[in-house]
Amino acid sequence: MKIKMVVFDMAGTSVDEGNVVYHTLHKAIEKKCPSITFEDVLKWGAGKEKLQAIRETLAETNIILNEETIQEIFQDFLVLLDKAYENLIVVPTKNTERLFKELREMGIKVVLNTGYNHATASLLIQKLNWDLGLHYDLLVTASDVIKNRPNPDMILLAMEKLSIPDAASVIKVGDSTIDIEEGRNAGCLYTIGVTTGAHTKAELLTANPDYIFDNVYDLKSVILSLNNMQ
């Protein structure tokens, strides 16, 4: 089946923001839980809605906090992130803009999805000077759905909005294991990991992606091969 839509995670996949969100998340958690490392946050929180990321990082490191404290960490994270973003330099990952342009010229929809809320994701896009309808076709964020990754709801919402009826014409690309799980749960034809962000190749392999790339542009050769088979 011809590919009609590719869903790209943002931070670490299509956007290089220096891992500022996870550094900030770690800073907020560390205030209450000094034993938690930045590596813990990446391992257990990457790709997830950020309140969920806090909960799961705590759970996986066997730390029990009451709900009030968890909410305090989350609110502190939001304040710290606003400050971190004031002078943040954001750039696309290597070859991303070229890939987006060439996919859209092929008639393939380019969707951005993320564990960030809509306000945070929109701020990143503004810093990149990306325009809807020129650089990408749709943004879907964690605050747009009820169930977040690894549930497929963000991908399914994108399919609905762009009138893509069959997930077998969709590819999901991301830098974390939860991106791979999300794509598989949506029934995407391929789920693809990239090593430009949160998780290493070894970590990505644990989620059994169809491909792992060091450069996101390698996706184009996969799509061309599929289209040549039609």
N, C-alpha and C. Protein backbone atom coordinates (compact mmCIF):
# COMPACT_ATOMS: atom_id res chain seq x y z
N MET A 1 0.84 -1.20 0.00
CA MET A 1 0.00 0.00 0.00
C MET A 1 0.87 1.25 0.00
N LYS A 2 0.46 2.24 -0.77
CA LYS A 2 1.21 3.49 -0.86
C LYS A 2 1.13 4.25 0.46
N ILE A 3 2.26 4.84 0.88
CA ILE A 3 2.30 5.62 2.12
C ILE A 3 1.61 6.96 1.89
N LYS A 4 0.68 7.29 2.79
CA LYS A 4 -0.07 8.53 2.68
C LYS A 4 0.25 9.52 3.80
N MET A 5 0.82 9.02 4.90
CA MET A 5 1.08 9.90 6.03
C MET A 5 2.25 9.37 6.84
N VAL A 6 3.12 10.28 7.27
CA VAL A 6 4.20 9.92 8.21
C VAL A 6 4.04 10.79 9.45
N VAL A 7 4.04 10.14 10.60
CA VAL A 7 3.89 10.82 11.88
C VAL A 7 5.26 10.88 12.56
N PHE A 8 5.74 12.09 12.78
CA PHE A 8 7.06 12.31 13.37
C PHE A 8 6.91 12.83 14.80
N ASP A 9 7.58 12.17 15.74
CA ASP A 9 7.75 12.77 17.05
C ASP A 9 8.53 14.08 16.89
N MET A 10 8.44 14.94 17.89
CA MET A 10 9.13 16.23 17.79
C MET A 10 10.53 16.18 18.43
N ALA A 11 10.64 16.46 19.73
CA ALA A 11 11.96 16.57 20.36
C ALA A 11 12.77 15.29 20.23
N GLY A 12 13.97 15.42 19.68
CA GLY A 12 14.85 14.28 19.50
C GLY A 12 14.69 13.57 18.19
N THR A 13 13.57 13.80 17.52
CA THR A 13 13.31 13.15 16.22
C THR A 13 13.37 14.17 15.09
N SER A 14 12.50 15.15 15.13
CA SER A 14 12.49 16.19 14.10
C SER A 14 12.98 17.54 14.63
N VAL A 15 13.06 17.67 15.94
CA VAL A 15 13.45 18.94 16.57
C VAL A 15 14.60 18.69 17.55
N ASP A 16 15.64 19.51 17.44
CA ASP A 16 16.76 19.45 18.38
C ASP A 16 16.65 20.65 19.32
N GLU A 17 16.23 20.38 20.55
CA GLU A 17 16.13 21.45 21.55
C GLU A 17 17.04 21.17 22.73
N GLY A 18 18.09 20.36 22.46
CA GLY A 18 19.11 20.13 23.47
C GLY A 18 18.62 19.39 24.69
N ASN A 19 17.52 18.61 24.52
CA ASN A 19 16.95 17.86 25.65
C ASN A 19 16.54 18.76 26.81
N VAL A 20 16.22 20.02 26.51
CA VAL A 20 15.92 20.97 27.58
C VAL A 20 14.71 20.54 28.40
N VAL A 21 13.73 19.90 27.76
CA VAL A 21 12.53 19.51 28.50
C VAL A 21 12.86 18.43 29.53
N TYR A 22 13.69 17.46 29.14
CA TYR A 22 14.01 16.38 30.09
C TYR A 22 15.00 16.85 31.16
N HIS A 23 15.89 17.77 30.80
CA HIS A 23 16.75 18.37 31.83
C HIS A 23 15.91 19.15 32.83
N THR A 24 14.90 19.85 32.33
CA THR A 24 14.03 20.63 33.20
C THR A 24 13.15 19.71 34.05
N LEU A 25 12.66 18.65 33.45
CA LEU A 25 11.86 17.68 34.19
C LEU A 25 12.69 17.05 35.31
N HIS A 26 13.93 16.71 34.98
CA HIS A 26 14.82 16.15 35.99
C HIS A 26 15.06 17.16 37.13
N LYS A 27 15.25 18.40 36.77
CA LYS A 27 15.50 19.45 37.78
C LYS A 27 14.32 19.55 38.75
N ALA A 28 13.10 19.47 38.21
CA ALA A 28 11.91 19.57 39.05
C ALA A 28 11.76 18.34 39.94
N ILE A 29 12.00 17.16 39.40
CA ILE A 29 11.88 15.93 40.19
C ILE A 29 12.97 15.86 41.25
N GLU A 30 14.18 16.27 40.87
CA GLU A 30 15.34 16.15 41.74
C GLU A 30 15.17 16.95 43.04
N LYS A 31 14.40 18.02 42.97
CA LYS A 31 14.19 18.83 44.17
C LYS A 31 13.53 18.02 45.28
N LYS A 32 12.63 17.12 44.88
CA LYS A 32 11.93 16.27 45.85
C LYS A 32 12.60 14.91 46.01
N CYS A 33 13.30 14.46 44.96
CA CYS A 33 13.87 13.11 44.95
C CYS A 33 15.31 13.17 44.43
N PRO A 34 16.27 13.53 45.26
CA PRO A 34 17.66 13.72 44.81
C PRO A 34 18.31 12.48 44.20
N SER A 35 17.77 11.31 44.50
CA SER A 35 18.38 10.08 43.99
C SER A 35 18.08 9.82 42.52
N ILE A 36 17.08 10.49 41.97
CA ILE A 36 16.70 10.27 40.57
C ILE A 36 17.67 11.00 39.65
N THR A 37 18.19 10.29 38.66
CA THR A 37 19.16 10.85 37.73
C THR A 37 18.51 11.30 36.43
N PHE A 38 19.25 12.09 35.68
CA PHE A 38 18.77 12.48 34.35
C PHE A 38 18.56 11.25 33.47
N GLU A 39 19.43 10.26 33.61
CA GLU A 39 19.29 9.03 32.83
C GLU A 39 18.00 8.30 33.18
N ASP A 40 17.60 8.35 34.45
CA ASP A 40 16.31 7.76 34.85
C ASP A 40 15.15 8.43 34.13
N VAL A 41 15.21 9.76 34.07
CA VAL A 41 14.14 10.52 33.43
C VAL A 41 14.05 10.17 31.95
N LEU A 42 15.20 10.07 31.27
CA LEU A 42 15.19 9.70 29.86
C LEU A 42 14.67 8.28 29.68
N LYS A 43 15.12 7.38 30.52
CA LYS A 43 14.76 5.97 30.36
C LYS A 43 13.27 5.73 30.54
N TRP A 44 12.70 6.36 31.58
CA TRP A 44 11.32 6.04 31.94
C TRP A 44 10.33 7.10 31.49
N GLY A 45 10.81 8.31 31.14
CA GLY A 45 9.87 9.38 30.82
C GLY A 45 9.86 9.82 29.38
N ALA A 46 10.83 9.36 28.58
CA ALA A 46 10.96 9.85 27.20
C ALA A 46 9.71 9.58 26.39
N GLY A 47 9.25 10.63 25.69
CA GLY A 47 8.13 10.50 24.77
C GLY A 47 6.77 10.57 25.39
N LYS A 48 6.71 10.60 26.72
CA LYS A 48 5.42 10.54 27.41
C LYS A 48 4.90 11.93 27.77
N GLU A 49 3.60 12.03 27.93
CA GLU A 49 3.01 13.24 28.49
C GLU A 49 3.71 13.48 29.82
N LYS A 50 4.00 14.75 30.14
CA LYS A 50 4.99 15.01 31.16
C LYS A 50 4.54 14.70 32.59
N LEU A 51 3.25 14.83 32.90
CA LEU A 51 2.79 14.38 34.21
C LEU A 51 2.89 12.85 34.29
N GLN A 52 2.54 12.19 33.22
CA GLN A 52 2.70 10.74 33.14
C GLN A 52 4.18 10.36 33.29
N ALA A 53 5.06 11.14 32.67
CA ALA A 53 6.50 10.87 32.75
C ALA A 53 6.99 10.96 34.19
N ILE A 54 6.49 11.94 34.94
CA ILE A 54 6.87 12.06 36.35
C ILE A 54 6.40 10.83 37.12
N ARG A 55 5.13 10.46 36.93
CA ARG A 55 4.58 9.31 37.66
C ARG A 55 5.37 8.04 37.37
N GLU A 56 5.67 7.80 36.11
CA GLU A 56 6.31 6.55 35.74
C GLU A 56 7.78 6.52 36.14
N THR A 57 8.44 7.67 36.09
CA THR A 57 9.83 7.73 36.55
C THR A 57 9.89 7.42 38.05
N LEU A 58 8.97 7.97 38.81
CA LEU A 58 8.91 7.68 40.24
C LEU A 58 8.62 6.20 40.49
N ALA A 59 7.65 5.67 39.77
CA ALA A 59 7.25 4.27 39.97
C ALA A 59 8.40 3.32 39.64
N GLU A 60 9.08 3.59 38.53
CA GLU A 60 10.15 2.68 38.09
C GLU A 60 11.39 2.78 38.95
N THR A 61 11.52 3.87 39.71
CA THR A 61 12.65 4.01 40.62
C THR A 61 12.23 3.75 42.07
N ASN A 62 11.02 3.18 42.21
CA ASN A 62 10.51 2.75 43.53
C ASN A 62 10.40 3.87 44.55
N ILE A 63 9.99 5.04 44.06
CA ILE A 63 9.77 6.18 44.95
C ILE A 63 8.27 6.45 45.03
N ILE A 64 7.75 6.52 46.24
CA ILE A 64 6.32 6.75 46.45
C ILE A 64 6.11 8.15 47.01
N LEU A 65 5.36 8.96 46.26
CA LEU A 65 5.01 10.30 46.73
C LEU A 65 3.49 10.45 46.68
N ASN A 66 2.95 11.30 47.53
CA ASN A 66 1.51 11.52 47.47
C ASN A 66 1.15 12.39 46.27
N GLU A 67 -0.13 12.42 45.95
CA GLU A 67 -0.59 13.12 44.76
C GLU A 67 -0.28 14.61 44.82
N GLU A 68 -0.40 15.19 46.00
CA GLU A 68 -0.12 16.62 46.14
C GLU A 68 1.32 16.94 45.76
N THR A 69 2.25 16.11 46.19
CA THR A 69 3.67 16.33 45.88
C THR A 69 3.94 16.13 44.40
N ILE A 70 3.31 15.15 43.79
CA ILE A 70 3.47 14.90 42.36
C ILE A 70 2.99 16.12 41.57
N GLN A 71 1.85 16.67 41.97
CA GLN A 71 1.33 17.85 41.29
C GLN A 71 2.24 19.05 41.50
N GLU A 72 2.86 19.16 42.67
CA GLU A 72 3.82 20.24 42.92
C GLU A 72 5.02 20.14 41.98
N ILE A 73 5.49 18.92 41.80
CA ILE A 73 6.62 18.71 40.87
C ILE A 73 6.22 19.13 39.46
N PHE A 74 5.04 18.75 39.05
CA PHE A 74 4.58 19.06 37.69
C PHE A 74 4.43 20.57 37.50
N GLN A 75 3.84 21.25 38.46
CA GLN A 75 3.67 22.70 38.35
C GLN A 75 5.02 23.41 38.36
N ASP A 76 5.95 22.93 39.17
CA ASP A 76 7.29 23.49 39.19
C ASP A 76 7.97 23.29 37.84
N PHE A 77 7.78 22.12 37.26
CA PHE A 77 8.33 21.83 35.93
C PHE A 77 7.82 22.85 34.91
N LEU A 78 6.53 23.15 34.93
CA LEU A 78 5.96 24.08 33.95
C LEU A 78 6.57 25.47 34.10
N VAL A 79 6.76 25.91 35.34
CA VAL A 79 7.36 27.23 35.59
C VAL A 79 8.82 27.25 35.12
N LEU A 80 9.56 26.20 35.46
CA LEU A 80 10.97 26.12 35.06
C LEU A 80 11.11 26.05 33.54
N LEU A 81 10.17 25.35 32.90
CA LEU A 81 10.25 25.23 31.45
C LEU A 81 10.02 26.57 30.76
N ASP A 82 9.07 27.34 31.26
CA ASP A 82 8.85 28.68 30.70
C ASP A 82 10.13 29.50 30.75
N LYS A 83 10.84 29.43 31.86
CA LYS A 83 12.09 30.19 32.02
C LYS A 83 13.16 29.65 31.07
N ALA A 84 13.24 28.33 30.95
CA ALA A 84 14.25 27.71 30.09
C ALA A 84 14.03 28.07 28.63
N TYR A 85 12.77 28.23 28.24
CA TYR A 85 12.45 28.51 26.85
C TYR A 85 12.70 29.96 26.43
N GLU A 86 12.86 30.85 27.39
CA GLU A 86 12.97 32.27 27.06
C GLU A 86 14.08 32.54 26.05
N ASN A 87 15.24 31.94 26.25
CA ASN A 87 16.38 32.18 25.35
C ASN A 87 16.85 30.91 24.65
N LEU A 88 15.97 29.93 24.58
CA LEU A 88 16.33 28.64 24.01
C LEU A 88 16.50 28.72 22.49
N ILE A 89 17.58 28.14 21.99
CA ILE A 89 17.80 28.01 20.55
C ILE A 89 17.31 26.63 20.11
N VAL A 90 16.41 26.62 19.16
CA VAL A 90 15.83 25.37 18.66
C VAL A 90 16.13 25.25 17.16
N VAL A 91 16.56 24.08 16.74
CA VAL A 91 16.85 23.85 15.32
C VAL A 91 16.25 22.51 14.91
N PRO A 92 16.01 22.33 13.61
CA PRO A 92 15.57 21.02 13.15
C PRO A 92 16.71 20.02 13.27
N THR A 93 16.38 18.74 13.45
CA THR A 93 17.40 17.71 13.36
C THR A 93 17.89 17.63 11.91
N LYS A 94 19.06 17.04 11.73
CA LYS A 94 19.72 17.01 10.43
C LYS A 94 18.81 16.42 9.34
N ASN A 95 18.66 17.17 8.25
CA ASN A 95 17.92 16.75 7.05
C ASN A 95 16.40 16.69 7.24
N THR A 96 15.89 17.11 8.39
CA THR A 96 14.45 17.03 8.62
C THR A 96 13.66 17.92 7.69
N GLU A 97 14.06 19.19 7.55
CA GLU A 97 13.30 20.09 6.69
C GLU A 97 13.35 19.62 5.24
N ARG A 98 14.47 19.11 4.81
CA ARG A 98 14.58 18.56 3.46
C ARG A 98 13.62 17.38 3.29
N LEU A 99 13.59 16.49 4.27
CA LEU A 99 12.71 15.33 4.20
C LEU A 99 11.24 15.75 4.18
N PHE A 100 10.87 16.66 5.07
CA PHE A 100 9.48 17.13 5.10
C PHE A 100 9.07 17.68 3.73
N LYS A 101 9.91 18.51 3.15
CA LYS A 101 9.60 19.13 1.86
C LYS A 101 9.41 18.07 0.78
N GLU A 102 10.31 17.10 0.74
CA GLU A 102 10.25 16.08 -0.31
C GLU A 102 9.08 15.12 -0.11
N LEU A 103 8.75 14.81 1.12
CA LEU A 103 7.58 13.97 1.38
C LEU A 103 6.30 14.69 0.94
N ARG A 104 6.18 15.96 1.28
CA ARG A 104 4.97 16.71 0.91
C ARG A 104 4.87 16.87 -0.60
N GLU A 105 6.02 16.98 -1.28
CA GLU A 105 6.01 17.03 -2.75
C GLU A 105 5.55 15.71 -3.36
N MET A 106 5.73 14.62 -2.62
CA MET A 106 5.28 13.30 -3.04
C MET A 106 3.80 13.07 -2.70
N GLY A 107 3.17 14.05 -2.07
CA GLY A 107 1.76 13.92 -1.70
C GLY A 107 1.55 13.21 -0.38
N ILE A 108 2.61 13.08 0.41
CA ILE A 108 2.54 12.41 1.71
C ILE A 108 2.35 13.45 2.80
N LYS A 109 1.37 13.23 3.66
CA LYS A 109 1.09 14.16 4.76
C LYS A 109 2.17 14.02 5.84
N VAL A 110 2.63 15.16 6.33
CA VAL A 110 3.63 15.20 7.39
C VAL A 110 2.94 15.67 8.68
N VAL A 111 2.93 14.78 9.66
CA VAL A 111 2.27 15.08 10.95
C VAL A 111 3.31 15.14 12.05
N LEU A 112 3.21 16.13 12.92
CA LEU A 112 4.03 16.23 14.12
C LEU A 112 3.19 15.77 15.29
N ASN A 113 3.73 14.86 16.12
CA ASN A 113 3.02 14.50 17.36
C ASN A 113 4.01 14.45 18.50
N THR A 114 3.51 14.66 19.72
CA THR A 114 4.42 14.88 20.83
C THR A 114 3.76 14.64 22.17
N GLY A 115 4.57 14.27 23.16
CA GLY A 115 4.10 14.16 24.52
C GLY A 115 4.00 15.51 25.22
N TYR A 116 4.41 16.59 24.56
CA TYR A 116 4.24 17.93 25.10
C TYR A 116 2.77 18.34 25.02
N ASN A 117 2.39 19.34 25.80
CA ASN A 117 1.06 19.91 25.59
C ASN A 117 1.10 20.85 24.38
N HIS A 118 -0.08 21.34 23.99
CA HIS A 118 -0.16 22.12 22.75
C HIS A 118 0.62 23.43 22.85
N ALA A 119 0.59 24.05 24.02
CA ALA A 119 1.29 25.34 24.16
C ALA A 119 2.79 25.16 24.00
N THR A 120 3.36 24.14 24.60
CA THR A 120 4.81 23.90 24.50
C THR A 120 5.20 23.55 23.08
N ALA A 121 4.43 22.66 22.46
CA ALA A 121 4.74 22.25 21.09
C ALA A 121 4.64 23.43 20.13
N SER A 122 3.65 24.26 20.32
CA SER A 122 3.47 25.43 19.44
C SER A 122 4.63 26.41 19.58
N LEU A 123 5.15 26.54 20.80
CA LEU A 123 6.29 27.43 21.03
C LEU A 123 7.53 26.91 20.30
N LEU A 124 7.74 25.60 20.33
CA LEU A 124 8.86 25.02 19.57
C LEU A 124 8.72 25.30 18.09
N ILE A 125 7.51 25.12 17.57
CA ILE A 125 7.28 25.35 16.14
C ILE A 125 7.52 26.81 15.77
N GLN A 126 7.10 27.72 16.65
CA GLN A 126 7.34 29.15 16.40
C GLN A 126 8.84 29.44 16.34
N LYS A 127 9.61 28.84 17.24
CA LYS A 127 11.05 29.07 17.26
C LYS A 127 11.71 28.51 16.00
N LEU A 128 11.12 27.49 15.40
CA LEU A 128 11.65 26.90 14.18
C LEU A 128 11.22 27.66 12.93
N ASN A 129 10.22 28.55 13.09
CA ASN A 129 9.62 29.27 11.95
C ASN A 129 8.98 28.30 10.96
N TRP A 130 8.38 27.24 11.48
CA TRP A 130 7.65 26.30 10.64
C TRP A 130 6.20 26.76 10.53
N ASP A 131 5.67 26.68 9.31
CA ASP A 131 4.30 27.11 9.05
C ASP A 131 3.43 25.92 8.67
N LEU A 132 2.24 25.86 9.24
CA LEU A 132 1.26 24.85 8.89
C LEU A 132 0.89 25.00 7.42
N GLY A 133 0.92 23.88 6.69
CA GLY A 133 0.59 23.91 5.27
C GLY A 133 1.78 24.18 4.38
N LEU A 134 2.90 24.57 4.98
CA LEU A 134 4.13 24.79 4.22
C LEU A 134 5.21 23.79 4.62
N HIS A 135 5.43 23.66 5.92
CA HIS A 135 6.44 22.72 6.41
C HIS A 135 5.83 21.41 6.91
N TYR A 136 4.61 21.48 7.40
CA TYR A 136 3.94 20.28 7.93
C TYR A 136 2.44 20.43 7.73
N ASP A 137 1.70 19.32 7.93
CA ASP A 137 0.27 19.32 7.65
C ASP A 137 -0.62 19.31 8.89
N LEU A 138 -0.07 18.87 10.03
CA LEU A 138 -0.89 18.78 11.23
C LEU A 138 0.00 18.61 12.45
N LEU A 139 -0.42 19.20 13.55
CA LEU A 139 0.22 18.99 14.85
C LEU A 139 -0.80 18.35 15.78
N VAL A 140 -0.41 17.25 16.42
CA VAL A 140 -1.25 16.60 17.42
C VAL A 140 -0.42 16.42 18.68
N THR A 141 -0.95 16.90 19.81
CA THR A 141 -0.18 16.88 21.05
C THR A 141 -0.90 16.08 22.14
N ALA A 142 -0.18 15.90 23.25
CA ALA A 142 -0.73 15.13 24.37
C ALA A 142 -2.01 15.75 24.93
N SER A 143 -2.14 17.08 24.82
CA SER A 143 -3.33 17.73 25.36
C SER A 143 -4.52 17.68 24.41
N ASP A 144 -4.34 17.07 23.23
CA ASP A 144 -5.43 16.95 22.26
C ASP A 144 -6.20 15.65 22.40
N VAL A 145 -5.72 14.74 23.23
CA VAL A 145 -6.36 13.42 23.38
C VAL A 145 -6.52 13.09 24.86
N ILE A 146 -7.36 12.11 25.14
CA ILE A 146 -7.57 11.67 26.52
C ILE A 146 -6.50 10.67 26.93
N LYS A 147 -6.23 9.72 26.04
CA LYS A 147 -5.25 8.68 26.33
C LYS A 147 -3.96 8.95 25.56
N ASN A 148 -2.86 8.99 26.28
CA ASN A 148 -1.58 9.30 25.65
C ASN A 148 -0.75 8.04 25.39
N ARG A 149 0.42 8.24 24.80
CA ARG A 149 1.31 7.13 24.48
C ARG A 149 1.52 6.23 25.71
N PRO A 150 1.56 4.92 25.51
CA PRO A 150 1.64 4.21 24.23
C PRO A 150 0.32 3.96 23.52
N ASN A 151 -0.76 4.52 24.04
CA ASN A 151 -2.03 4.40 23.33
C ASN A 151 -1.93 5.10 21.97
N PRO A 152 -2.71 4.66 20.99
CA PRO A 152 -2.56 5.17 19.63
C PRO A 152 -3.38 6.42 19.32
N ASP A 153 -3.98 7.03 20.34
CA ASP A 153 -5.00 8.05 20.09
C ASP A 153 -4.52 9.24 19.27
N MET A 154 -3.27 9.68 19.48
CA MET A 154 -2.78 10.83 18.71
C MET A 154 -2.67 10.49 17.23
N ILE A 155 -2.20 9.30 16.93
CA ILE A 155 -2.09 8.89 15.52
C ILE A 155 -3.48 8.71 14.91
N LEU A 156 -4.38 8.10 15.66
CA LEU A 156 -5.75 7.89 15.15
C LEU A 156 -6.45 9.23 14.92
N LEU A 157 -6.20 10.20 15.80
CA LEU A 157 -6.79 11.53 15.60
C LEU A 157 -6.24 12.18 14.34
N ALA A 158 -4.94 12.03 14.10
CA ALA A 158 -4.34 12.59 12.89
C ALA A 158 -4.93 11.94 11.64
N MET A 159 -5.12 10.63 11.69
CA MET A 159 -5.74 9.93 10.56
C MET A 159 -7.14 10.45 10.29
N GLU A 160 -7.89 10.68 11.37
CA GLU A 160 -9.26 11.19 11.22
C GLU A 160 -9.26 12.59 10.60
N LYS A 161 -8.39 13.45 11.13
CA LYS A 161 -8.38 14.84 10.66
C LYS A 161 -7.91 14.95 9.21
N LEU A 162 -7.03 14.05 8.77
CA LEU A 162 -6.49 14.13 7.42
C LEU A 162 -7.12 13.11 6.48
N SER A 163 -8.20 12.48 6.94
CA SER A 163 -8.96 11.53 6.12
C SER A 163 -8.09 10.40 5.58
N ILE A 164 -7.32 9.81 6.48
CA ILE A 164 -6.50 8.64 6.16
C ILE A 164 -7.18 7.43 6.81
N PRO A 165 -7.88 6.60 6.06
CA PRO A 165 -8.70 5.55 6.68
C PRO A 165 -7.93 4.31 7.14
N ASP A 166 -6.76 4.07 6.56
CA ASP A 166 -6.07 2.81 6.79
C ASP A 166 -4.68 3.05 7.39
N ALA A 167 -4.45 2.54 8.60
CA ALA A 167 -3.15 2.72 9.25
C ALA A 167 -2.03 2.01 8.50
N ALA A 168 -2.38 1.09 7.60
CA ALA A 168 -1.36 0.42 6.79
C ALA A 168 -0.73 1.35 5.77
N SER A 169 -1.23 2.59 5.67
CA SER A 169 -0.62 3.59 4.79
C SER A 169 0.12 4.65 5.61
N VAL A 170 0.37 4.33 6.89
CA VAL A 170 0.98 5.29 7.82
C VAL A 170 2.28 4.73 8.38
N ILE A 171 3.28 5.60 8.53
CA ILE A 171 4.54 5.26 9.19
C ILE A 171 4.70 6.16 10.41
N LYS A 172 5.17 5.60 11.51
CA LYS A 172 5.49 6.39 12.71
C LYS A 172 6.99 6.39 12.94
N VAL A 173 7.55 7.59 13.22
CA VAL A 173 8.98 7.76 13.45
C VAL A 173 9.19 8.43 14.80
N GLY A 174 10.08 7.86 15.63
CA GLY A 174 10.35 8.48 16.92
C GLY A 174 11.67 8.05 17.52
N ASP A 175 12.08 8.76 18.57
CA ASP A 175 13.40 8.51 19.17
C ASP A 175 13.32 7.74 20.49
N SER A 176 12.13 7.27 20.86
CA SER A 176 11.96 6.55 22.12
C SER A 176 11.15 5.27 21.92
N THR A 177 11.29 4.36 22.86
CA THR A 177 10.57 3.09 22.75
C THR A 177 9.07 3.31 22.76
N ILE A 178 8.60 4.30 23.48
CA ILE A 178 7.15 4.53 23.55
C ILE A 178 6.60 5.03 22.22
N ASP A 179 7.44 5.70 21.41
CA ASP A 179 7.03 6.07 20.05
C ASP A 179 6.77 4.81 19.23
N ILE A 180 7.66 3.83 19.38
CA ILE A 180 7.51 2.58 18.63
C ILE A 180 6.25 1.85 19.07
N GLU A 181 6.01 1.81 20.37
CA GLU A 181 4.81 1.15 20.89
C GLU A 181 3.54 1.85 20.40
N GLU A 182 3.58 3.18 20.37
CA GLU A 182 2.44 3.96 19.89
C GLU A 182 2.12 3.61 18.45
N GLY A 183 3.15 3.57 17.60
CA GLY A 183 2.94 3.25 16.19
C GLY A 183 2.41 1.85 15.98
N ARG A 184 2.93 0.92 16.75
CA ARG A 184 2.46 -0.46 16.63
C ARG A 184 1.00 -0.57 17.09
N ASN A 185 0.66 0.10 18.19
CA ASN A 185 -0.71 0.04 18.69
C ASN A 185 -1.70 0.69 17.73
N ALA A 186 -1.22 1.63 16.93
CA ALA A 186 -2.08 2.26 15.92
C ALA A 186 -2.24 1.40 14.68
N GLY A 187 -1.41 0.37 14.55
CA GLY A 187 -1.46 -0.48 13.36
C GLY A 187 -0.69 0.08 12.18
N CYS A 188 0.28 0.98 12.45
CA CYS A 188 1.06 1.56 11.35
C CYS A 188 1.80 0.48 10.57
N LEU A 189 1.99 0.73 9.29
CA LEU A 189 2.71 -0.23 8.46
C LEU A 189 4.12 -0.46 9.00
N TYR A 190 4.83 0.64 9.29
CA TYR A 190 6.16 0.56 9.86
C TYR A 190 6.26 1.47 11.07
N THR A 191 7.02 1.01 12.06
CA THR A 191 7.44 1.89 13.15
C THR A 191 8.96 1.98 13.07
N ILE A 192 9.47 3.22 13.12
CA ILE A 192 10.89 3.47 12.87
C ILE A 192 11.49 4.25 14.03
N GLY A 193 12.59 3.75 14.55
CA GLY A 193 13.32 4.46 15.59
C GLY A 193 14.48 5.24 15.02
N VAL A 194 14.78 6.38 15.63
CA VAL A 194 15.95 7.17 15.24
C VAL A 194 16.82 7.38 16.47
N THR A 195 18.13 7.40 16.26
CA THR A 195 19.08 7.46 17.38
C THR A 195 19.51 8.89 17.70
N THR A 196 18.73 9.87 17.27
CA THR A 196 19.10 11.27 17.45
C THR A 196 18.58 11.88 18.74
N GLY A 197 17.89 11.07 19.56
CA GLY A 197 17.25 11.65 20.73
C GLY A 197 17.43 10.87 22.00
N ALA A 198 16.33 10.53 22.65
CA ALA A 198 16.35 10.04 24.03
C ALA A 198 16.98 8.67 24.19
N HIS A 199 16.67 7.74 23.30
CA HIS A 199 17.08 6.35 23.52
C HIS A 199 18.16 5.90 22.55
N THR A 200 19.02 5.05 23.04
CA THR A 200 20.09 4.48 22.21
C THR A 200 19.54 3.40 21.29
N LYS A 201 20.37 2.97 20.35
CA LYS A 201 19.95 1.90 19.46
C LYS A 201 19.58 0.65 20.25
N ALA A 202 20.37 0.32 21.25
CA ALA A 202 20.08 -0.87 22.06
C ALA A 202 18.74 -0.74 22.78
N GLU A 203 18.46 0.45 23.29
CA GLU A 203 17.17 0.67 23.96
C GLU A 203 16.02 0.62 22.96
N LEU A 204 16.19 1.21 21.80
CA LEU A 204 15.15 1.17 20.77
C LEU A 204 14.86 -0.26 20.33
N LEU A 205 15.89 -1.07 20.25
CA LEU A 205 15.72 -2.46 19.82
C LEU A 205 14.79 -3.24 20.74
N THR A 206 14.70 -2.86 21.99
CA THR A 206 13.83 -3.58 22.92
C THR A 206 12.35 -3.44 22.55
N ALA A 207 12.03 -2.42 21.76
CA ALA A 207 10.64 -2.20 21.33
C ALA A 207 10.36 -2.81 19.96
N ASN A 208 11.36 -3.44 19.36
CA ASN A 208 11.22 -4.14 18.07
C ASN A 208 10.69 -3.26 16.93
N PRO A 209 11.34 -2.14 16.67
CA PRO A 209 10.94 -1.34 15.51
C PRO A 209 11.27 -2.06 14.21
N ASP A 210 10.64 -1.63 13.14
CA ASP A 210 10.94 -2.24 11.83
C ASP A 210 12.29 -1.79 11.31
N TYR A 211 12.65 -0.55 11.61
CA TYR A 211 13.95 0.00 11.21
C TYR A 211 14.47 0.89 12.34
N ILE A 212 15.78 1.05 12.39
CA ILE A 212 16.40 2.07 13.23
C ILE A 212 17.38 2.85 12.36
N PHE A 213 17.24 4.18 12.35
CA PHE A 213 18.10 5.02 11.52
C PHE A 213 18.91 5.97 12.40
N ASP A 214 20.13 6.25 11.95
CA ASP A 214 20.92 7.31 12.58
C ASP A 214 20.59 8.66 11.98
N ASN A 215 20.02 8.66 10.78
CA ASN A 215 19.64 9.89 10.09
C ASN A 215 18.21 9.73 9.60
N VAL A 216 17.32 10.63 10.01
CA VAL A 216 15.91 10.50 9.68
C VAL A 216 15.66 10.49 8.17
N TYR A 217 16.58 11.09 7.40
CA TYR A 217 16.39 11.15 5.94
C TYR A 217 16.40 9.77 5.30
N ASP A 218 16.98 8.77 5.98
CA ASP A 218 16.99 7.41 5.44
C ASP A 218 15.58 6.87 5.24
N LEU A 219 14.60 7.50 5.88
CA LEU A 219 13.20 7.10 5.70
C LEU A 219 12.78 7.18 4.24
N LYS A 220 13.29 8.16 3.51
CA LYS A 220 12.83 8.36 2.14
C LYS A 220 13.10 7.13 1.28
N SER A 221 14.25 6.49 1.46
CA SER A 221 14.56 5.31 0.64
C SER A 221 13.58 4.19 0.91
N VAL A 222 13.13 4.06 2.16
CA VAL A 222 12.13 3.05 2.50
C VAL A 222 10.82 3.33 1.79
N ILE A 223 10.40 4.58 1.78
CA ILE A 223 9.14 4.95 1.14
C ILE A 223 9.24 4.75 -0.37
N LEU A 224 10.36 5.14 -0.97
CA LEU A 224 10.53 4.96 -2.41
C LEU A 224 10.49 3.48 -2.78
N SER A 225 11.09 2.64 -1.96
CA SER A 225 11.05 1.20 -2.22
C SER A 225 9.63 0.67 -2.16
N LEU A 226 8.87 1.14 -1.19
CA LEU A 226 7.48 0.71 -1.08
C LEU A 226 6.66 1.16 -2.28
N ASN A 227 6.85 2.43 -2.67
CA ASN A 227 6.09 2.94 -3.80
C ASN A 227 6.44 2.24 -5.10
N ASN A 228 7.70 1.83 -5.24
CA ASN A 228 8.12 1.12 -6.46
C ASN A 228 7.52 -0.28 -6.54
N MET A 229 7.04 -0.77 -5.41
CA MET A 229 6.44 -2.10 -5.37
C MET A 229 4.97 -2.08 -5.77
N GLN A 230 4.41 -0.88 -5.88
CA GLN A 230 2.96 -0.76 -6.18
C GLN A 230 2.67 -1.21 -7.60
